Amino acid sequence: MQNRSPALLALALGISLHAAGCAEPEDQADPVSDPQSLSNSALAPDATYAVYLQVPAGTCTGIVLSKHYILTAGHCLESNREVDLTVRGGTQGEVTLYQGRANVGVHPSYREDDAHWMYDAGLILLHGNGMSSVPEVRFYAGPEAPWTQSGGLFQGVGYGRGTAPGDAENCMDNARFGARRRGNFRFLGRGEVVGGVWRAFDAQSSVRSLCPGDSGGPLVLNRGGRPYVFGVTSRSYLRAGAPVTGILAEPLFPDIELGSRQAGRPLSCPVRSEGGVSFRVCSE
């Protein structure tokens, strides 16, 4: 398993993304205590599926798919290769969930320029036994498409630097790097449509933007009193009121499943339904 080519992970991760700036990987730093990191939230009350990634490029946030797979932004991984990385959890990034080798895969068309941000997606395959346990995460699959209209509320969750959500200082507080935070955003009702399918969307916050280190983190909707991950953080400007761009998760899953089969550890993410909401839960 450890000898599989990381290129296999990226073979099928084809997505489209409209660029708006970048929540870049942050330089390596140890998690620190931040008692204000747990803001009151009805959308993402726990978000234990969001993990803190320490990768060669710096630090990012990821979304747990299973014991071995983590979804994140492509620019966090840079290229297809085998790397050493650390996966942390907890509200302060204080829990080490995995430390060791992993294959990382980025879409083969991804480049660090505005013409290729549409391929900003990456998949991590952990070696060995992976993580000992993982929480269930529900990925929203419809039937509504709230990102097509302006005004709807959602949350972004990440381990990036900056002050607590709602603070006008946004991403400037380096001392508070490494704790899990949430920020509220509203859809702008525009984004990227490819082949008649929405692939990405734009949003905005009046206060806290997404910050360096938040890239790859979950974007969360509330439906029927439950949180559903519907997107992946990609890019933002580092100031209040700036647009934020995210990738929709649902169009990714057929490609994720295909890439996992090619990598030799199949991942299944079937659509389920409960209370009028369709969603996916992944398992190996």
Protein backbone atom coordinates (compact mmCIF):
# COMPACT_ATOMS: atom_id res chain seq x y z
CA MET A 1 0.00 0.00 0.00
CA GLN A 2 2.76 2.44 0.89
CA ASN A 3 4.40 1.90 -2.48
CA ARG A 4 1.46 3.10 -4.55
CA SER A 5 2.20 6.02 -6.82
CA PRO A 6 0.74 9.28 -5.45
CA ALA A 7 -0.16 10.24 -9.03
CA LEU A 8 -2.95 7.67 -8.89
CA LEU A 9 -4.67 9.73 -6.22
CA ALA A 10 -4.84 12.75 -8.49
CA LEU A 11 -5.84 11.04 -11.72
CA ALA A 12 -9.55 11.71 -11.37
CA LEU A 13 -9.78 14.86 -9.23
CA GLY A 14 -11.16 17.14 -11.94
CA ILE A 15 -12.96 20.26 -10.68
CA SER A 16 -13.49 23.89 -11.66
CA LEU A 17 -12.95 26.91 -9.47
CA HIS A 18 -13.38 30.65 -9.94
CA ALA A 19 -10.45 32.46 -8.29
CA ALA A 20 -10.80 35.31 -5.80
CA GLY A 21 -7.49 35.54 -3.90
CA CYS A 22 -5.81 32.91 -1.73
CA ALA A 23 -6.00 31.55 1.80
CA GLU A 24 -2.41 30.36 1.54
CA PRO A 25 -0.64 27.70 3.60
CA GLU A 26 0.94 29.27 6.65
CA ASP A 27 4.52 28.73 7.85
CA GLN A 28 4.99 25.85 10.29
CA ALA A 29 4.05 26.69 13.88
CA ASP A 30 3.15 24.75 16.99
CA PRO A 31 -0.48 24.83 18.18
CA VAL A 32 -1.08 27.40 20.89
CA SER A 33 -3.73 27.92 23.51
CA ASP A 34 -6.58 30.21 22.48
CA PRO A 35 -9.49 30.32 24.94
CA GLN A 36 -11.52 32.48 22.53
CA SER A 37 -11.40 29.95 19.68
CA LEU A 38 -14.73 28.33 20.58
CA SER A 39 -17.22 30.90 19.38
CA ASN A 40 -20.92 30.13 19.76
CA SER A 41 -22.15 28.36 16.63
CA ALA A 42 -25.33 26.56 15.57
CA LEU A 43 -23.94 25.62 12.16
CA ALA A 44 -20.78 23.72 13.05
CA PRO A 45 -21.08 22.99 16.79
CA ASP A 46 -18.19 20.52 16.94
CA ALA A 47 -16.59 20.25 13.49
CA THR A 48 -14.34 17.43 14.69
CA TYR A 49 -14.03 16.35 11.06
CA ALA A 50 -11.87 19.43 10.44
CA VAL A 51 -8.21 18.62 11.02
CA TYR A 52 -5.03 20.66 11.25
CA LEU A 53 -2.50 19.60 8.60
CA GLN A 54 1.24 20.16 8.93
CA VAL A 55 2.59 19.47 5.46
CA PRO A 56 5.84 20.38 3.65
CA ALA A 57 4.22 23.54 2.22
CA GLY A 58 3.27 24.80 5.69
CA THR A 59 -0.06 24.31 7.44
CA CYS A 60 -3.60 23.95 6.14
CA THR A 61 -6.94 22.54 7.20
CA GLY A 62 -8.41 19.29 5.91
CA ILE A 63 -11.70 17.38 5.97
CA VAL A 64 -11.67 13.78 7.16
CA LEU A 65 -13.25 11.34 4.71
CA SER A 66 -12.17 8.09 6.39
CA LYS A 67 -9.33 6.61 8.47
CA HIS A 68 -6.94 6.95 5.52
CA TYR A 69 -8.33 9.76 3.34
CA ILE A 70 -8.39 13.52 3.88
CA LEU A 71 -9.75 16.07 1.40
CA THR A 72 -8.03 19.46 1.22
CA ALA A 73 -7.09 22.24 -1.21
CA GLY A 74 -4.64 21.35 -3.96
CA HIS A 75 -2.38 24.32 -3.28
CA CYS A 76 -1.74 22.92 0.21
CA LEU A 77 -0.08 19.84 -1.30
CA GLU A 78 1.74 21.44 -4.27
CA SER A 79 2.45 18.24 -6.23
CA ASN A 80 1.95 14.47 -6.41
CA ARG A 81 4.45 12.77 -4.09
CA GLU A 82 5.06 10.86 -0.88
CA VAL A 83 5.62 13.12 2.12
CA ASP A 84 5.93 13.24 5.88
CA LEU A 85 3.00 14.99 7.50
CA THR A 86 1.20 15.43 10.79
CA VAL A 87 -2.57 15.45 11.30
CA ARG A 88 -3.86 17.13 14.46
CA GLY A 89 -7.31 17.54 15.98
CA GLY A 90 -8.89 19.18 19.00
CA THR A 91 -9.97 22.77 19.52
CA GLN A 92 -6.36 23.88 19.93
CA GLY A 93 -4.76 21.36 17.57
CA GLU A 94 -3.50 19.61 20.68
CA VAL A 95 -4.31 16.01 19.66
CA THR A 96 -1.99 14.19 17.25
CA LEU A 97 -4.17 11.94 15.08
CA TYR A 98 -1.46 10.78 12.69
CA GLN A 99 2.22 11.38 12.12
CA GLY A 100 4.14 9.67 9.35
CA ARG A 101 4.23 9.05 5.62
CA ALA A 102 1.39 9.76 3.20
CA ASN A 103 0.74 9.93 -0.51
CA VAL A 104 -0.64 13.27 -1.63
CA GLY A 105 -2.35 13.84 -4.96
CA VAL A 106 -3.13 17.08 -6.77
CA HIS A 107 -5.04 17.47 -10.00
CA PRO A 108 -2.50 17.19 -12.86
CA SER A 109 -3.69 20.47 -14.42
CA TYR A 110 -3.20 22.46 -11.21
CA ARG A 111 -0.77 25.39 -11.42
CA GLU A 112 -0.15 28.34 -9.12
CA ASP A 113 -1.70 30.95 -11.37
CA ASP A 114 -5.15 32.40 -11.88
CA ALA A 115 -5.73 30.39 -15.04
CA HIS A 116 -5.44 27.08 -13.19
CA TRP A 117 -7.05 27.68 -9.80
CA MET A 118 -10.06 25.83 -11.16
CA TYR A 119 -8.19 22.59 -10.33
CA ASP A 120 -7.46 23.47 -6.69
CA ALA A 121 -8.29 20.13 -5.00
CA GLY A 122 -6.14 17.52 -3.33
CA LEU A 123 -6.46 14.15 -1.65
CA ILE A 124 -4.26 12.68 1.09
CA LEU A 125 -3.81 8.95 1.60
CA LEU A 126 -2.30 8.07 4.99
CA HIS A 127 -0.06 5.01 5.25
CA GLY A 128 -0.36 2.06 7.61
CA ASN A 129 -3.43 2.01 9.82
CA GLY A 130 -4.18 5.68 9.25
CA MET A 131 -6.07 7.40 12.06
CA SER A 132 -7.36 5.24 14.91
CA SER A 133 -10.90 6.63 14.77
CA VAL A 134 -12.77 9.25 12.76
CA PRO A 135 -16.04 11.11 13.23
CA GLU A 136 -18.94 10.81 10.82
CA VAL A 137 -19.18 13.76 8.46
CA ARG A 138 -22.20 14.34 6.25
CA PHE A 139 -21.58 15.95 2.87
CA TYR A 140 -24.58 17.83 1.51
CA ALA A 141 -26.04 16.46 -1.73
CA GLY A 142 -29.24 18.47 -2.14
CA PRO A 143 -31.93 18.95 -3.13
CA GLU A 144 -31.48 22.72 -2.69
CA ALA A 145 -28.63 24.78 -4.15
CA PRO A 146 -28.40 27.80 -1.80
CA TRP A 147 -25.13 29.03 -3.36
CA THR A 148 -27.05 30.02 -6.50
CA GLN A 149 -28.77 32.89 -4.66
CA SER A 150 -27.37 35.68 -2.53
CA GLY A 151 -27.83 36.07 1.21
CA GLY A 152 -27.82 32.51 2.55
CA LEU A 153 -25.70 31.93 5.65
CA PHE A 154 -22.98 29.32 6.10
CA GLN A 155 -19.79 28.87 8.09
CA GLY A 156 -16.15 28.29 7.31
CA VAL A 157 -14.07 26.25 9.77
CA GLY A 158 -10.29 26.29 9.86
CA TYR A 159 -7.07 26.20 11.86
CA GLY A 160 -5.62 29.32 10.22
CA ARG A 161 -4.06 32.27 11.98
CA GLY A 162 -5.98 35.32 13.12
CA THR A 163 -8.34 36.51 15.80
CA ALA A 164 -11.63 34.92 16.72
CA PRO A 165 -14.51 35.22 14.20
CA GLY A 166 -16.15 38.62 14.33
CA ASP A 167 -12.96 40.47 15.21
CA ALA A 168 -12.12 43.23 12.74
CA GLU A 169 -8.39 42.44 12.95
CA ASN A 170 -9.05 39.34 10.85
CA CYS A 171 -5.85 37.56 9.82
CA MET A 172 -3.24 39.76 11.46
CA ASP A 173 -2.86 38.04 14.86
CA ASN A 174 -0.06 35.47 14.40
CA ALA A 175 -0.05 34.65 18.10
CA ARG A 176 -3.40 32.90 17.75
CA PHE A 177 -2.35 30.47 15.07
CA GLY A 178 -3.26 26.78 15.38
CA ALA A 179 -6.69 26.78 17.03
CA ARG A 180 -9.92 25.74 15.34
CA ARG A 181 -12.16 28.73 14.60
CA ARG A 182 -15.35 29.48 12.74
CA GLY A 183 -16.43 32.44 10.62
CA ASN A 184 -19.86 33.36 9.25
CA PHE A 185 -20.34 34.04 5.54
CA ARG A 186 -23.15 34.79 3.10
CA PHE A 187 -23.48 33.58 -0.46
CA LEU A 188 -23.10 36.19 -3.18
CA GLY A 189 -25.08 34.06 -5.64
CA ARG A 190 -22.33 33.82 -8.23
CA GLY A 191 -19.50 31.50 -9.04
CA GLU A 192 -18.30 28.99 -11.60
CA VAL A 193 -20.69 26.84 -13.66
CA VAL A 194 -19.15 24.20 -15.93
CA GLY A 195 -21.28 22.07 -18.22
CA GLY A 196 -24.42 23.29 -16.48
CA VAL A 197 -23.12 22.13 -13.08
CA TRP A 198 -22.14 24.51 -10.28
CA ARG A 199 -18.54 23.78 -9.33
CA ALA A 200 -17.58 26.77 -7.19
CA PHE A 201 -19.16 29.81 -5.58
CA ASP A 202 -18.37 33.23 -4.14
CA ALA A 203 -19.29 34.43 -0.66
CA GLN A 204 -18.55 37.33 1.65
CA SER A 205 -18.16 38.17 5.32
CA SER A 206 -18.50 41.65 6.81
CA VAL A 207 -15.90 40.89 9.46
CA ARG A 208 -13.51 37.93 9.47
CA SER A 209 -12.23 36.65 6.15
CA LEU A 210 -10.67 33.23 5.73
CA CYS A 211 -7.01 33.36 6.68
CA PRO A 212 -3.72 31.63 5.80
CA GLY A 213 -3.97 28.10 7.15
CA ASP A 214 -7.76 27.87 6.63
CA SER A 215 -7.36 26.53 3.09
CA GLY A 216 -8.86 23.08 2.60
CA GLY A 217 -11.25 23.45 5.54
CA PRO A 218 -14.96 22.59 5.55
CA LEU A 219 -17.73 24.98 4.57
CA VAL A 220 -20.88 24.08 6.48
CA LEU A 221 -24.65 24.48 6.00
CA ASN A 222 -27.41 23.83 8.52
CA ARG A 223 -30.34 21.75 7.32
CA GLY A 224 -32.99 20.45 9.72
CA GLY A 225 -30.85 21.36 12.71
CA ARG A 226 -27.85 19.31 11.48
CA PRO A 227 -24.56 20.50 10.00
CA TYR A 228 -23.62 19.37 6.48
CA VAL A 229 -20.29 20.01 4.79
CA PHE A 230 -21.04 21.34 1.32
CA GLY A 231 -17.73 22.83 0.21
CA VAL A 232 -13.97 23.18 0.62
CA THR A 233 -12.20 26.47 1.33
CA SER A 234 -10.00 27.61 -1.53
CA ARG A 235 -9.27 31.31 -1.75
CA SER A 236 -9.92 34.66 -0.10
CA TYR A 237 -8.49 38.11 0.31
CA LEU A 238 -7.08 38.72 3.77
CA ARG A 239 -9.41 41.51 4.85
CA ALA A 240 -12.94 42.02 6.11
CA GLY A 241 -15.62 42.20 3.45
CA ALA A 242 -13.49 40.53 0.80
CA PRO A 243 -14.97 37.74 -1.35
CA VAL A 244 -14.26 34.13 -0.51
CA THR A 245 -14.29 31.32 -3.05
CA GLY A 246 -15.10 27.71 -2.27
CA ILE A 247 -15.29 24.46 -4.17
CA LEU A 248 -18.55 22.53 -4.02
CA ALA A 249 -17.96 19.05 -2.62
CA GLU A 250 -20.78 17.12 -4.27
CA PRO A 251 -19.40 17.18 -7.86
CA LEU A 252 -16.07 15.82 -6.53
CA PHE A 253 -17.27 12.49 -5.18
CA PRO A 254 -17.42 10.39 -8.35
CA ASP A 255 -13.82 11.42 -9.06
CA ILE A 256 -12.73 10.86 -5.45
CA GLU A 257 -14.16 7.34 -5.49
CA LEU A 258 -12.47 6.59 -8.81
CA GLY A 259 -9.13 7.95 -7.62
CA SER A 260 -9.32 5.89 -4.43
CA ARG A 261 -9.90 2.69 -6.42
CA GLN A 262 -6.90 3.48 -8.58
CA ALA A 263 -4.86 4.05 -5.43
CA GLY A 264 -5.69 0.55 -4.22
CA ARG A 265 -7.81 1.51 -1.20
CA PRO A 266 -11.40 2.03 -2.43
CA LEU A 267 -13.55 4.68 -0.77
CA SER A 268 -17.34 4.50 -1.04
CA CYS A 269 -19.48 7.64 -0.56
CA PRO A 270 -23.10 6.68 -1.40
CA VAL A 271 -25.96 9.16 -1.31
CA ARG A 272 -28.38 8.75 1.59
CA SER A 273 -31.54 10.62 2.53
CA GLU A 274 -32.97 11.68 5.88
CA GLY A 275 -35.61 14.28 6.68
CA GLY A 276 -35.78 15.43 3.08
CA VAL A 277 -32.02 16.10 2.90
CA SER A 278 -29.66 14.10 0.66
CA PHE A 279 -26.10 13.60 1.85
CA ARG A 280 -23.03 11.38 1.55
CA VAL A 281 -21.05 9.57 4.22
CA CYS A 282 -17.77 7.98 3.15
CA SER A 283 -16.29 4.68 4.28
CA GLU A 284 -13.51 2.36 3.13
